Amino acid sequence: MEAIRHIMTNPTNHLEITLPDNLVNEKIEVIILSLNEPKKNVATYKSLMGSMPENEALRMLEFIESSRNEWE
C-alpha cells in the first residue's frame, strides 16, 4: 500500500489534490486531519491518587500480579 502524506497550511477552504499516475482509476481514501488539536492531558500516577477506594486499588493490583504470574 502506498501512502502519501503532506503537511501544509491551507489559506482557503478549497483543496486540490493531484494524484500520482499509479493511483489513477484506483480506489483511494482521503483523510484530512487538523494538526492544531490541543494536546491531551496524560494521566500520571499522582493525578490519579485518591480516585479509587484503596480496597478496590489493592484488588486490582492483586489481579494484575496474578495475571503476570500465569505467564511464568
C-alpha atoms as a PDB file:
ATOM      1  CA  MET A   1       0.000   0.000   0.000  1.00  0.00           C
ATOM      2  CA  GLU A   2       1.343   3.386  -0.933  1.00  0.00           C
ATOM      3  CA  ALA A   3       0.802   6.326   1.391  1.00  0.00           C
ATOM      4  CA  ILE A   4       1.296   9.981   0.572  1.00  0.00           C
ATOM      5  CA  ARG A   5       1.488  12.494   3.387  1.00  0.00           C
ATOM      6  CA  HIS A   6       1.690  16.259   3.014  1.00  0.00           C
ATOM      7  CA  ILE A   7       1.613  18.689   5.910  1.00  0.00           C
ATOM      8  CA  MET A   8       0.556  22.144   4.823  1.00  0.00           C
ATOM      9  CA  THR A   9      -1.378  25.227   5.826  1.00  0.00           C
ATOM     10  CA  ASN A  10      -4.273  25.897   3.501  1.00  0.00           C
ATOM     11  CA  PRO A  11      -5.257  29.599   3.341  1.00  0.00           C
ATOM     12  CA  THR A  12      -8.726  28.860   1.934  1.00  0.00           C
ATOM     13  CA  ASN A  13     -11.450  26.250   2.268  1.00  0.00           C
ATOM     14  CA  HIS A  14     -10.539  24.801  -1.128  1.00  0.00           C
ATOM     15  CA  LEU A  15      -8.023  21.976  -1.615  1.00  0.00           C
ATOM     16  CA  GLU A  16      -6.894  20.455  -4.902  1.00  0.00           C
ATOM     17  CA  ILE A  17      -5.168  17.072  -4.915  1.00  0.00           C
ATOM     18  CA  THR A  18      -3.116  15.781  -7.820  1.00  0.00           C
ATOM     19  CA  LEU A  19      -2.647  12.033  -7.684  1.00  0.00           C
ATOM     20  CA  PRO A  20       0.375  10.150  -8.994  1.00  0.00           C
ATOM     21  CA  ASP A  21      -0.247   8.200 -12.206  1.00  0.00           C
ATOM     22  CA  ASN A  22      -0.226   4.838 -10.432  1.00  0.00           C
ATOM     23  CA  LEU A  23      -3.310   5.865  -8.404  1.00  0.00           C
ATOM     24  CA  VAL A  24      -5.444   6.894 -11.373  1.00  0.00           C
ATOM     25  CA  ASN A  25      -8.564   4.676 -11.565  1.00  0.00           C
ATOM     26  CA  GLU A  26      -7.701   3.170  -8.165  1.00  0.00           C
ATOM     27  CA  LYS A  27      -9.964   3.166  -5.145  1.00  0.00           C
ATOM     28  CA  ILE A  28      -8.407   5.607  -2.639  1.00  0.00           C
ATOM     29  CA  GLU A  29      -9.191   7.001   0.793  1.00  0.00           C
ATOM     30  CA  VAL A  30      -8.616  10.653   1.642  1.00  0.00           C
ATOM     31  CA  ILE A  31      -8.345  11.626   5.309  1.00  0.00           C
ATOM     32  CA  ILE A  32      -7.942  15.249   6.378  1.00  0.00           C
ATOM     33  CA  LEU A  33      -6.911  15.945   9.967  1.00  0.00           C
ATOM     34  CA  SER A  34      -6.118  19.177  11.742  1.00  0.00           C
ATOM     35  CA  LEU A  35      -2.683  19.178  13.356  1.00  0.00           C
ATOM     36  CA  ASN A  36      -3.671  22.099  15.590  1.00  0.00           C
ATOM     37  CA  GLU A  37      -5.552  19.947  18.091  1.00  0.00           C
ATOM     38  CA  PRO A  38      -4.777  20.743  21.721  1.00  0.00           C
ATOM     39  CA  LYS A  39      -2.557  18.225  23.466  1.00  0.00           C
ATOM     40  CA  LYS A  40      -4.461  15.738  25.586  1.00  0.00           C
ATOM     41  CA  ASN A  41      -3.719  15.621  29.282  1.00  0.00           C
ATOM     42  CA  VAL A  42      -1.884  12.447  30.132  1.00  0.00           C
ATOM     43  CA  ALA A  43      -2.865  10.923  33.439  1.00  0.00           C
ATOM     44  CA  THR A  44       0.003  10.458  35.843  1.00  0.00           C
ATOM     45  CA  TYR A  45       0.162   8.368  38.980  1.00  0.00           C
ATOM     46  CA  LYS A  46      -0.125  11.490  41.137  1.00  0.00           C
ATOM     47  CA  SER A  47      -3.133  12.800  39.221  1.00  0.00           C
ATOM     48  CA  LEU A  48      -4.950   9.507  39.838  1.00  0.00           C
ATOM     49  CA  MET A  49      -4.158   9.186  43.550  1.00  0.00           C
ATOM     50  CA  GLY A  50      -7.333   9.144  45.599  1.00  0.00           C
ATOM     51  CA  SER A  51      -9.545   8.497  42.568  1.00  0.00           C
ATOM     52  CA  MET A  52     -10.314   4.941  43.632  1.00  0.00           C
ATOM     53  CA  PRO A  53     -11.029   3.447  47.041  1.00  0.00           C
ATOM     54  CA  GLU A  54      -7.919   1.804  48.471  1.00  0.00           C
ATOM     55  CA  ASN A  55      -9.506  -1.653  48.762  1.00  0.00           C
ATOM     56  CA  GLU A  56     -10.508  -1.542  45.056  1.00  0.00           C
ATOM     57  CA  ALA A  57      -6.986  -0.463  44.057  1.00  0.00           C
ATOM     58  CA  LEU A  58      -5.453  -3.314  46.086  1.00  0.00           C
ATOM     59  CA  ARG A  59      -7.860  -5.806  44.496  1.00  0.00           C
ATOM     60  CA  MET A  60      -6.844  -4.619  41.020  1.00  0.00           C
ATOM     61  CA  LEU A  61      -3.127  -4.818  41.871  1.00  0.00           C
ATOM     62  CA  GLU A  62      -3.580  -8.374  43.117  1.00  0.00           C
ATOM     63  CA  PHE A  63      -5.378  -9.287  39.895  1.00  0.00           C
ATOM     64  CA  ILE A  64      -2.576  -7.790  37.796  1.00  0.00           C
ATOM     65  CA  GLU A  65       0.041  -9.666  39.822  1.00  0.00           C
ATOM     66  CA  SER A  66      -1.795 -12.990  39.458  1.00  0.00           C
ATOM     67  CA  SER A  67      -2.207 -12.377  35.723  1.00  0.00           C
ATOM     68  CA  ARG A  68       1.537 -11.819  35.368  1.00  0.00           C
ATOM     69  CA  ASN A  69       2.289 -14.971  37.343  1.00  0.00           C
ATOM     70  CA  GLU A  70       0.143 -17.016  34.939  1.00  0.00           C
ATOM     71  CA  TRP A  71       2.655 -16.279  32.167  1.00  0.00           C
ATOM     72  CA  GLU A  72       5.550 -17.824  34.076  1.00  0.00           C
END
